[in-house]
Every structure is written in structure tokens, then in C-alpha cells.
């Protein structure tokens, strides 16, 4: 983890994690709580929140466009709230979005709690996803994979959301378990011995991840691209 002067958000310094750092943090935390399964299967993310942060997610009516939030105190996570509208929808898609939202909040808890413990009081920056008067990060619909907005999002400076979204994949689809789940569709072309996902089998792989880990297609697609970039097939078969 490194720090640098922040240009957005309520903190004077932003934190930077290498992708492999986030992967390892999430993997270690799943194992430490005893919730890393022995074979590819859905991660019990709600139980992870209970064991790791000693909080049970609550469901409340939240403003339109807000899926949930995490409230922080001097000792870390104090409360995690999920939009009641998601639980009341009652569809498989909504249930999966609840899991994704919980994993997003877990990412904030694992990666950003120390910032709230150290931060001085600042003015509210609600529009940036923070409510510093209540020391919480708001999870907006357009910030997590599978939101209603289908527009291609570009990096807008909200480093904390990028990091929390990386934690979604690392927590809900741990890399070692994804490799096991995709064993039948991964190839080993070229001289490097690296296993890549051929374009012809990418759709099949996405369905495998959706079914195995109970994920929405958007989350499975993003995780595939993170772990098996489409460019790899071209580079390793030259």
C-alpha cells in the first residue's frame, strides 16, 4: 500500500493498492474467517461481514440510486446497511446484487477503515459518495458492476470505489477457485505455459462462473477480463 496527495474525497491522502495486494488481502481474510471453501462454490459474504467486522447487515429504505453504505468509527466498521428495495425485489438478479453490494462494502471495510480512524473532521462531500458528518461511504448504483446504467464508465478519480470494486471479484470469485472452476475450458498455448481463455470459450466460461459462484453476468464478465484478458490469447499464441 502506498499513499499520495488526494485530489478528490475527504482525505488529504489517497491510498494505492496493487491489484495483487487486494487479491491477497481478500484471500487472507476469507481464510482467516474460515469462509474460504474447499471447492468452487458461492462465498457466504453475509457471514463474512458478521465474522470479520462483527456487524450484521441491516436493510433500510435508502435514497434512490444508493445501494448501501458503510459507517465507520474510530475502531473500524460500525454498521453496514443495504437498500431494502433490493431485498424486497425477490429476484435472483436482486439477490446476486445484494451479494455484490455486500462485497463492495466489505472492500471498503478492509481497505479504507484506517482512513476514517485517522482522518480529521472535514465538510460533507456527499456528492463524491462520502457523508463525513456521519463517517460513512455511500455505495451508489452507478459505482458497482451490474448497475442500471449500462454506459461505459471511465475513471473519474473515485479511487475508493475502484478499489472496493476490485474487492468484489477477489472476495466473491477468489482467483484460485476461479482457476479450478474453469479448468475444463482453459488452454495452455505458446511457450510460456500460461493458461489463457480462448475467445471461442469465453461465453462458456462466463456461464460457468455465473452458475458456480451465483453471480450476475456483468460481475462474471468483469472477473474474466481481470484474470484472463482477451489480449492474452493474441500475445501468447504469436
C-alpha atoms as a PDB file:
ATOM      1  CA  UNK A   1       0.000   0.000   0.000  1.00  0.00           C
ATOM      2  CA  UNK A   2       1.227   3.473  -0.903  1.00  0.00           C
ATOM      3  CA  UNK A   3      -0.187   6.932  -0.291  1.00  0.00           C
ATOM      4  CA  UNK A   4      -0.247  10.082  -2.398  1.00  0.00           C
ATOM      5  CA  UNK A   5      -1.914  13.515  -2.156  1.00  0.00           C
ATOM      6  CA  UNK A   6      -5.635  13.173  -2.803  1.00  0.00           C
ATOM      7  CA  UNK A   7      -7.331  15.371  -5.396  1.00  0.00           C
ATOM      8  CA  UNK A   8     -10.883  14.218  -4.577  1.00  0.00           C
ATOM      9  CA  UNK A   9     -12.613  12.852  -1.494  1.00  0.00           C
ATOM     10  CA  UNK A  10     -12.417  13.996   2.131  1.00  0.00           C
ATOM     11  CA  UNK A  11      -8.921  12.749   2.887  1.00  0.00           C
ATOM     12  CA  UNK A  12      -5.669  14.605   2.465  1.00  0.00           C
ATOM     13  CA  UNK A  13      -4.000  11.426   1.266  1.00  0.00           C
ATOM     14  CA  UNK A  14      -5.310   8.706  -1.014  1.00  0.00           C
ATOM     15  CA  UNK A  15      -4.184   5.108  -0.785  1.00  0.00           C
ATOM     16  CA  UNK A  16      -2.945   2.976  -3.642  1.00  0.00           C
ATOM     17  CA  UNK A  17      -3.058  -0.811  -3.665  1.00  0.00           C
ATOM     18  CA  UNK A  18      -1.534  -3.010  -6.322  1.00  0.00           C
ATOM     19  CA  UNK A  19      -4.123  -5.379  -7.777  1.00  0.00           C
ATOM     20  CA  UNK A  20      -2.265  -8.378  -6.345  1.00  0.00           C
ATOM     21  CA  UNK A  21      -2.309  -6.730  -2.917  1.00  0.00           C
ATOM     22  CA  UNK A  22      -6.112  -6.525  -2.948  1.00  0.00           C
ATOM     23  CA  UNK A  23      -6.325 -10.121  -4.161  1.00  0.00           C
ATOM     24  CA  UNK A  24      -4.079 -11.315  -1.344  1.00  0.00           C
ATOM     25  CA  UNK A  25      -5.791  -9.253   1.358  1.00  0.00           C
ATOM     26  CA  UNK A  26      -9.192 -10.649   0.419  1.00  0.00           C
ATOM     27  CA  UNK A  27      -7.887 -14.209   0.139  1.00  0.00           C
ATOM     28  CA  UNK A  28      -6.205 -13.987   3.543  1.00  0.00           C
ATOM     29  CA  UNK A  29      -9.327 -12.537   5.164  1.00  0.00           C
ATOM     30  CA  UNK A  30     -11.576 -15.266   3.751  1.00  0.00           C
ATOM     31  CA  UNK A  31      -9.223 -17.904   5.097  1.00  0.00           C
ATOM     32  CA  UNK A  32      -8.856 -16.190   8.469  1.00  0.00           C
ATOM     33  CA  UNK A  33     -12.633 -16.238   8.970  1.00  0.00           C
ATOM     34  CA  UNK A  34     -12.907 -19.861   7.879  1.00  0.00           C
ATOM     35  CA  UNK A  35     -15.080 -18.927   4.908  1.00  0.00           C
ATOM     36  CA  UNK A  36     -12.763 -19.900   2.083  1.00  0.00           C
ATOM     37  CA  UNK A  37     -14.414 -23.014   0.611  1.00  0.00           C
ATOM     38  CA  UNK A  38     -12.526 -26.178  -0.255  1.00  0.00           C
ATOM     39  CA  UNK A  39     -14.010 -26.204  -3.762  1.00  0.00           C
ATOM     40  CA  UNK A  40     -15.550 -23.626  -6.116  1.00  0.00           C
ATOM     41  CA  UNK A  41     -18.922 -22.529  -4.716  1.00  0.00           C
ATOM     42  CA  UNK A  42     -20.719 -19.310  -3.679  1.00  0.00           C
ATOM     43  CA  UNK A  43     -18.941 -17.340  -0.953  1.00  0.00           C
ATOM     44  CA  UNK A  44     -21.025 -16.712   2.176  1.00  0.00           C
ATOM     45  CA  UNK A  45     -20.438 -12.976   2.039  1.00  0.00           C
ATOM     46  CA  UNK A  46     -23.023 -12.002   4.654  1.00  0.00           C
ATOM     47  CA  UNK A  47     -21.452 -14.405   7.124  1.00  0.00           C
ATOM     48  CA  UNK A  48     -18.051 -12.945   6.230  1.00  0.00           C
ATOM     49  CA  UNK A  49     -19.270  -9.468   7.213  1.00  0.00           C
ATOM     50  CA  UNK A  50     -20.578 -10.828  10.505  1.00  0.00           C
ATOM     51  CA  UNK A  51     -17.375 -12.663  11.397  1.00  0.00           C
ATOM     52  CA  UNK A  52     -14.840 -10.152  10.111  1.00  0.00           C
ATOM     53  CA  UNK A  53     -16.483  -6.886  11.247  1.00  0.00           C
ATOM     54  CA  UNK A  54     -18.875  -8.145  13.937  1.00  0.00           C
ATOM     55  CA  UNK A  55     -21.838  -6.466  12.232  1.00  0.00           C
ATOM     56  CA  UNK A  56     -24.985  -7.943  10.705  1.00  0.00           C
ATOM     57  CA  UNK A  57     -26.063  -6.072   7.560  1.00  0.00           C
ATOM     58  CA  UNK A  58     -29.329  -4.188   8.050  1.00  0.00           C
ATOM     59  CA  UNK A  59     -31.905  -3.417   5.372  1.00  0.00           C
ATOM     60  CA  UNK A  60     -33.304   0.114   5.287  1.00  0.00           C
ATOM     61  CA  UNK A  61     -35.051   2.488   2.918  1.00  0.00           C
ATOM     62  CA  UNK A  62     -32.293   4.449   1.178  1.00  0.00           C
ATOM     63  CA  UNK A  63     -32.383   7.320  -1.336  1.00  0.00           C
ATOM     64  CA  UNK A  64     -32.840   6.447  -4.995  1.00  0.00           C
ATOM     65  CA  UNK A  65     -29.604   5.304  -6.538  1.00  0.00           C
ATOM     66  CA  UNK A  66     -27.981   4.274  -3.233  1.00  0.00           C
ATOM     67  CA  UNK A  67     -27.496   0.523  -2.826  1.00  0.00           C
ATOM     68  CA  UNK A  68     -25.933   0.629   0.620  1.00  0.00           C
ATOM     69  CA  UNK A  69     -23.412   2.253   2.881  1.00  0.00           C
ATOM     70  CA  UNK A  70     -20.770   1.505   5.481  1.00  0.00           C
ATOM     71  CA  UNK A  71     -20.483   3.612   8.618  1.00  0.00           C
ATOM     72  CA  UNK A  72     -17.067   3.862  10.249  1.00  0.00           C
ATOM     73  CA  UNK A  73     -15.883   4.724  13.727  1.00  0.00           C
ATOM     74  CA  UNK A  74     -12.543   5.016  15.462  1.00  0.00           C
ATOM     75  CA  UNK A  75     -12.275   1.211  15.644  1.00  0.00           C
ATOM     76  CA  UNK A  76     -13.384   0.497  12.083  1.00  0.00           C
ATOM     77  CA  UNK A  77     -16.683  -0.673  10.621  1.00  0.00           C
ATOM     78  CA  UNK A  78     -19.646   0.066  12.870  1.00  0.00           C
ATOM     79  CA  UNK A  79     -22.590  -0.534  10.543  1.00  0.00           C
ATOM     80  CA  UNK A  80     -23.381  -1.867   7.072  1.00  0.00           C
ATOM     81  CA  UNK A  81     -26.746  -1.066   5.520  1.00  0.00           C
ATOM     82  CA  UNK A  82     -28.238  -2.439   2.290  1.00  0.00           C
ATOM     83  CA  UNK A  83     -31.142  -0.956   0.360  1.00  0.00           C
ATOM     84  CA  UNK A  84     -34.427  -2.555   1.404  1.00  0.00           C
ATOM     85  CA  UNK A  85     -35.689  -2.313  -2.183  1.00  0.00           C
ATOM     86  CA  UNK A  86     -33.148  -4.942  -3.254  1.00  0.00           C
ATOM     87  CA  UNK A  87     -34.352  -7.431  -0.649  1.00  0.00           C
ATOM     88  CA  UNK A  88     -37.988  -6.765  -1.478  1.00  0.00           C
ATOM     89  CA  UNK A  89     -37.488  -7.328  -5.208  1.00  0.00           C
ATOM     90  CA  UNK A  90     -37.198 -11.043  -4.588  1.00  0.00           C
ATOM     91  CA  UNK A  91     -35.496 -11.986  -7.865  1.00  0.00           C
ATOM     92  CA  UNK A  92     -32.312 -13.968  -8.389  1.00  0.00           C
ATOM     93  CA  UNK A  93     -30.772 -10.916 -10.050  1.00  0.00           C
ATOM     94  CA  UNK A  94     -31.551  -8.805  -6.985  1.00  0.00           C
ATOM     95  CA  UNK A  95     -30.208 -11.462  -4.605  1.00  0.00           C
ATOM     96  CA  UNK A  96     -26.970 -11.517  -6.554  1.00  0.00           C
ATOM     97  CA  UNK A  97     -26.791  -7.723  -6.471  1.00  0.00           C
ATOM     98  CA  UNK A  98     -27.149  -7.881  -2.696  1.00  0.00           C
ATOM     99  CA  UNK A  99     -24.103 -10.168  -2.571  1.00  0.00           C
ATOM    100  CA  UNK A 100     -22.188  -7.815  -4.845  1.00  0.00           C
ATOM    101  CA  UNK A 101     -23.134  -4.798  -2.741  1.00  0.00           C
ATOM    102  CA  UNK A 102     -22.086  -6.580   0.456  1.00  0.00           C
ATOM    103  CA  UNK A 103     -18.739  -7.469  -1.110  1.00  0.00           C
ATOM    104  CA  UNK A 104     -18.296  -3.837  -2.189  1.00  0.00           C
ATOM    105  CA  UNK A 105     -18.930  -2.694   1.376  1.00  0.00           C
ATOM    106  CA  UNK A 106     -16.554  -5.361   2.672  1.00  0.00           C
ATOM    107  CA  UNK A 107     -13.930  -3.921   0.340  1.00  0.00           C
ATOM    108  CA  UNK A 108     -14.321  -0.508   1.942  1.00  0.00           C
ATOM    109  CA  UNK A 109     -14.068  -2.104   5.365  1.00  0.00           C
ATOM    110  CA  UNK A 110     -10.893  -3.992   4.526  1.00  0.00           C
ATOM    111  CA  UNK A 111      -9.138  -1.264   2.569  1.00  0.00           C
ATOM    112  CA  UNK A 112     -10.346   2.080   3.907  1.00  0.00           C
ATOM    113  CA  UNK A 113     -11.332   1.785   7.577  1.00  0.00           C
ATOM    114  CA  UNK A 114      -7.966   3.132   8.717  1.00  0.00           C
ATOM    115  CA  UNK A 115      -8.575   6.349   6.766  1.00  0.00           C
ATOM    116  CA  UNK A 116     -11.637   7.139   8.833  1.00  0.00           C
ATOM    117  CA  UNK A 117      -9.810   6.318  12.024  1.00  0.00           C
ATOM    118  CA  UNK A 118      -7.069   8.812  11.174  1.00  0.00           C
ATOM    119  CA  UNK A 119      -8.962  11.488   9.265  1.00  0.00           C
ATOM    120  CA  UNK A 120      -9.617  14.907  10.701  1.00  0.00           C
ATOM    121  CA  UNK A 121     -13.153  16.264  10.553  1.00  0.00           C
ATOM    122  CA  UNK A 122     -13.951  17.742   7.142  1.00  0.00           C
ATOM    123  CA  UNK A 123     -17.002  19.122   5.421  1.00  0.00           C
ATOM    124  CA  UNK A 124     -19.505  16.727   3.874  1.00  0.00           C
ATOM    125  CA  UNK A 125     -18.751  15.525   0.349  1.00  0.00           C
ATOM    126  CA  UNK A 126     -21.976  13.617  -0.209  1.00  0.00           C
ATOM    127  CA  UNK A 127     -21.797  14.053  -3.983  1.00  0.00           C
ATOM    128  CA  UNK A 128     -18.495  12.162  -4.063  1.00  0.00           C
ATOM    129  CA  UNK A 129     -20.000   9.226  -2.212  1.00  0.00           C
ATOM    130  CA  UNK A 130     -18.981  10.329   1.279  1.00  0.00           C
ATOM    131  CA  UNK A 131     -21.017  11.648   4.157  1.00  0.00           C
ATOM    132  CA  UNK A 132     -18.264  12.672   6.523  1.00  0.00           C
ATOM    133  CA  UNK A 133     -20.683  14.169   9.044  1.00  0.00           C
ATOM    134  CA  UNK A 134     -21.723  10.571   9.761  1.00  0.00           C
ATOM    135  CA  UNK A 135     -18.417   8.985   8.718  1.00  0.00           C
ATOM    136  CA  UNK A 136     -19.808   6.719   6.037  1.00  0.00           C
ATOM    137  CA  UNK A 137     -19.199   5.820   2.408  1.00  0.00           C
ATOM    138  CA  UNK A 138     -22.288   5.615   0.228  1.00  0.00           C
ATOM    139  CA  UNK A 139     -22.448   2.881  -2.405  1.00  0.00           C
ATOM    140  CA  UNK A 140     -24.240   4.321  -5.425  1.00  0.00           C
ATOM    141  CA  UNK A 141     -25.921   2.328  -8.158  1.00  0.00           C
ATOM    142  CA  UNK A 142     -23.503   3.560 -10.819  1.00  0.00           C
ATOM    143  CA  UNK A 143     -20.430   2.600  -8.795  1.00  0.00           C
ATOM    144  CA  UNK A 144     -20.747  -1.197  -8.773  1.00  0.00           C
ATOM    145  CA  UNK A 145     -20.812  -3.760 -11.596  1.00  0.00           C
ATOM    146  CA  UNK A 146     -24.283  -4.557 -12.897  1.00  0.00           C
ATOM    147  CA  UNK A 147     -25.824  -1.185 -12.047  1.00  0.00           C
ATOM    148  CA  UNK A 148     -28.767   0.104 -14.029  1.00  0.00           C
ATOM    149  CA  UNK A 149     -26.527   2.402 -16.042  1.00  0.00           C
ATOM    150  CA  UNK A 150     -25.049   0.437 -18.940  1.00  0.00           C
ATOM    151  CA  UNK A 151     -22.820   3.269 -20.109  1.00  0.00           C
ATOM    152  CA  UNK A 152     -19.110   2.591 -20.203  1.00  0.00           C
ATOM    153  CA  UNK A 153     -17.648   4.201 -17.118  1.00  0.00           C
ATOM    154  CA  UNK A 154     -14.291   5.917 -17.193  1.00  0.00           C
ATOM    155  CA  UNK A 155     -12.107   6.551 -14.206  1.00  0.00           C
ATOM    156  CA  UNK A 156     -13.406   9.731 -12.577  1.00  0.00           C
ATOM    157  CA  UNK A 157     -10.984   9.993  -9.682  1.00  0.00           C
ATOM    158  CA  UNK A 158     -13.006   7.976  -7.163  1.00  0.00           C
ATOM    159  CA  UNK A 159     -10.128   5.689  -6.258  1.00  0.00           C
ATOM    160  CA  UNK A 160     -12.014   4.293  -3.249  1.00  0.00           C
ATOM    161  CA  UNK A 161     -14.767   2.920  -5.499  1.00  0.00           C
ATOM    162  CA  UNK A 162     -12.297   1.341  -7.908  1.00  0.00           C
ATOM    163  CA  UNK A 163     -10.610  -0.436  -5.018  1.00  0.00           C
ATOM    164  CA  UNK A 164     -13.891  -1.589  -3.448  1.00  0.00           C
ATOM    165  CA  UNK A 165     -14.988  -2.957  -6.827  1.00  0.00           C
ATOM    166  CA  UNK A 166     -11.742  -4.895  -7.174  1.00  0.00           C
ATOM    167  CA  UNK A 167     -12.517  -6.437  -3.799  1.00  0.00           C
ATOM    168  CA  UNK A 168     -15.855  -7.701  -5.167  1.00  0.00           C
ATOM    169  CA  UNK A 169     -14.124 -10.086  -7.540  1.00  0.00           C
ATOM    170  CA  UNK A 170     -11.395 -11.022  -5.066  1.00  0.00           C
ATOM    171  CA  UNK A 171     -13.953 -11.887  -2.376  1.00  0.00           C
ATOM    172  CA  UNK A 172     -16.771 -13.454  -4.380  1.00  0.00           C
ATOM    173  CA  UNK A 173     -14.663 -15.141  -7.079  1.00  0.00           C
ATOM    174  CA  UNK A 174     -11.256 -15.876  -5.482  1.00  0.00           C
ATOM    175  CA  UNK A 175      -8.617 -16.430  -8.149  1.00  0.00           C
ATOM    176  CA  UNK A 176      -7.585 -19.980  -7.073  1.00  0.00           C
ATOM    177  CA  UNK A 177     -11.233 -21.107  -7.054  1.00  0.00           C
ATOM    178  CA  UNK A 178     -11.904 -19.479 -10.431  1.00  0.00           C
ATOM    179  CA  UNK A 179      -8.958 -21.404 -11.878  1.00  0.00           C
ATOM    180  CA  UNK A 180     -10.427 -24.631 -10.531  1.00  0.00           C
ATOM    181  CA  UNK A 181     -13.899 -23.822 -11.844  1.00  0.00           C
ATOM    182  CA  UNK A 182     -12.555 -23.072 -15.330  1.00  0.00           C
ATOM    183  CA  UNK A 183     -10.127 -25.992 -15.527  1.00  0.00           C
ATOM    184  CA  UNK A 184     -12.104 -27.595 -18.347  1.00  0.00           C
ATOM    185  CA  UNK A 185     -12.134 -24.506 -20.583  1.00  0.00           C
ATOM    186  CA  UNK A 186      -8.664 -23.025 -20.079  1.00  0.00           C
ATOM    187  CA  UNK A 187      -5.906 -23.746 -22.552  1.00  0.00           C
ATOM    188  CA  UNK A 188      -2.098 -23.583 -22.376  1.00  0.00           C
ATOM    189  CA  UNK A 189      -0.924 -22.243 -25.737  1.00  0.00           C
ATOM    190  CA  UNK A 190       2.517 -20.851 -26.567  1.00  0.00           C
ATOM    191  CA  UNK A 191       5.896 -21.361 -24.958  1.00  0.00           C
ATOM    192  CA  UNK A 192       5.144 -19.561 -21.716  1.00  0.00           C
ATOM    193  CA  UNK A 193       2.892 -22.241 -20.259  1.00  0.00           C
ATOM    194  CA  UNK A 194       0.383 -19.634 -19.080  1.00  0.00           C
ATOM    195  CA  UNK A 195      -3.215 -20.748 -19.157  1.00  0.00           C
ATOM    196  CA  UNK A 196      -5.392 -18.422 -21.189  1.00  0.00           C
ATOM    197  CA  UNK A 197      -9.046 -18.292 -22.092  1.00  0.00           C
ATOM    198  CA  UNK A 198      -9.684 -18.671 -25.789  1.00  0.00           C
ATOM    199  CA  UNK A 199     -12.225 -16.318 -27.339  1.00  0.00           C
ATOM    200  CA  UNK A 200     -14.367 -19.235 -28.504  1.00  0.00           C
ATOM    201  CA  UNK A 201     -14.815 -20.424 -24.909  1.00  0.00           C
ATOM    202  CA  UNK A 202     -15.215 -17.054 -23.165  1.00  0.00           C
ATOM    203  CA  UNK A 203     -19.013 -17.192 -23.186  1.00  0.00           C
ATOM    204  CA  UNK A 204     -18.970 -20.718 -21.793  1.00  0.00           C
ATOM    205  CA  UNK A 205     -16.553 -19.615 -19.087  1.00  0.00           C
ATOM    206  CA  UNK A 206     -18.824 -16.741 -18.133  1.00  0.00           C
ATOM    207  CA  UNK A 207     -21.760 -19.097 -17.687  1.00  0.00           C
ATOM    208  CA  UNK A 208     -19.609 -21.410 -15.568  1.00  0.00           C
ATOM    209  CA  UNK A 209     -18.707 -18.576 -13.213  1.00  0.00           C
ATOM    210  CA  UNK A 210     -22.305 -17.359 -13.023  1.00  0.00           C
ATOM    211  CA  UNK A 211     -23.588 -20.804 -12.058  1.00  0.00           C
ATOM    212  CA  UNK A 212     -20.708 -21.883  -9.834  1.00  0.00           C
ATOM    213  CA  UNK A 213     -20.432 -18.690  -7.775  1.00  0.00           C
ATOM    214  CA  UNK A 214     -24.049 -17.476  -8.184  1.00  0.00           C
ATOM    215  CA  UNK A 215     -23.037 -14.211  -9.831  1.00  0.00           C
ATOM    216  CA  UNK A 216     -24.751 -11.861 -12.269  1.00  0.00           C
ATOM    217  CA  UNK A 217     -23.328 -11.933 -15.838  1.00  0.00           C
ATOM    218  CA  UNK A 218     -21.764  -8.459 -15.539  1.00  0.00           C
ATOM    219  CA  UNK A 219     -19.713  -9.473 -12.484  1.00  0.00           C
ATOM    220  CA  UNK A 220     -18.603 -12.743 -14.095  1.00  0.00           C
ATOM    221  CA  UNK A 221     -17.599 -10.925 -17.290  1.00  0.00           C
ATOM    222  CA  UNK A 222     -15.519  -8.356 -15.416  1.00  0.00           C
ATOM    223  CA  UNK A 223     -13.782 -11.045 -13.370  1.00  0.00           C
ATOM    224  CA  UNK A 224     -12.908 -12.980 -16.515  1.00  0.00           C
ATOM    225  CA  UNK A 225     -11.406  -9.885 -18.083  1.00  0.00           C
ATOM    226  CA  UNK A 226      -9.427  -9.155 -14.913  1.00  0.00           C
ATOM    227  CA  UNK A 227      -7.947 -12.641 -14.679  1.00  0.00           C
ATOM    228  CA  UNK A 228      -7.870 -13.653 -18.353  1.00  0.00           C
ATOM    229  CA  UNK A 229      -7.624 -10.519 -20.520  1.00  0.00           C
ATOM    230  CA  UNK A 230      -8.682 -11.042 -24.105  1.00  0.00           C
ATOM    231  CA  UNK A 231      -5.326  -9.655 -25.249  1.00  0.00           C
ATOM    232  CA  UNK A 232      -3.508 -12.564 -23.593  1.00  0.00           C
ATOM    233  CA  UNK A 233      -4.709 -15.056 -26.185  1.00  0.00           C
ATOM    234  CA  UNK A 234      -3.241 -12.997 -29.001  1.00  0.00           C
ATOM    235  CA  UNK A 235       0.052 -12.293 -27.239  1.00  0.00           C
ATOM    236  CA  UNK A 236       0.695 -15.862 -26.110  1.00  0.00           C
ATOM    237  CA  UNK A 237      -0.119 -17.503 -29.449  1.00  0.00           C
ATOM    238  CA  UNK A 238       2.108 -15.325 -31.626  1.00  0.00           C
END
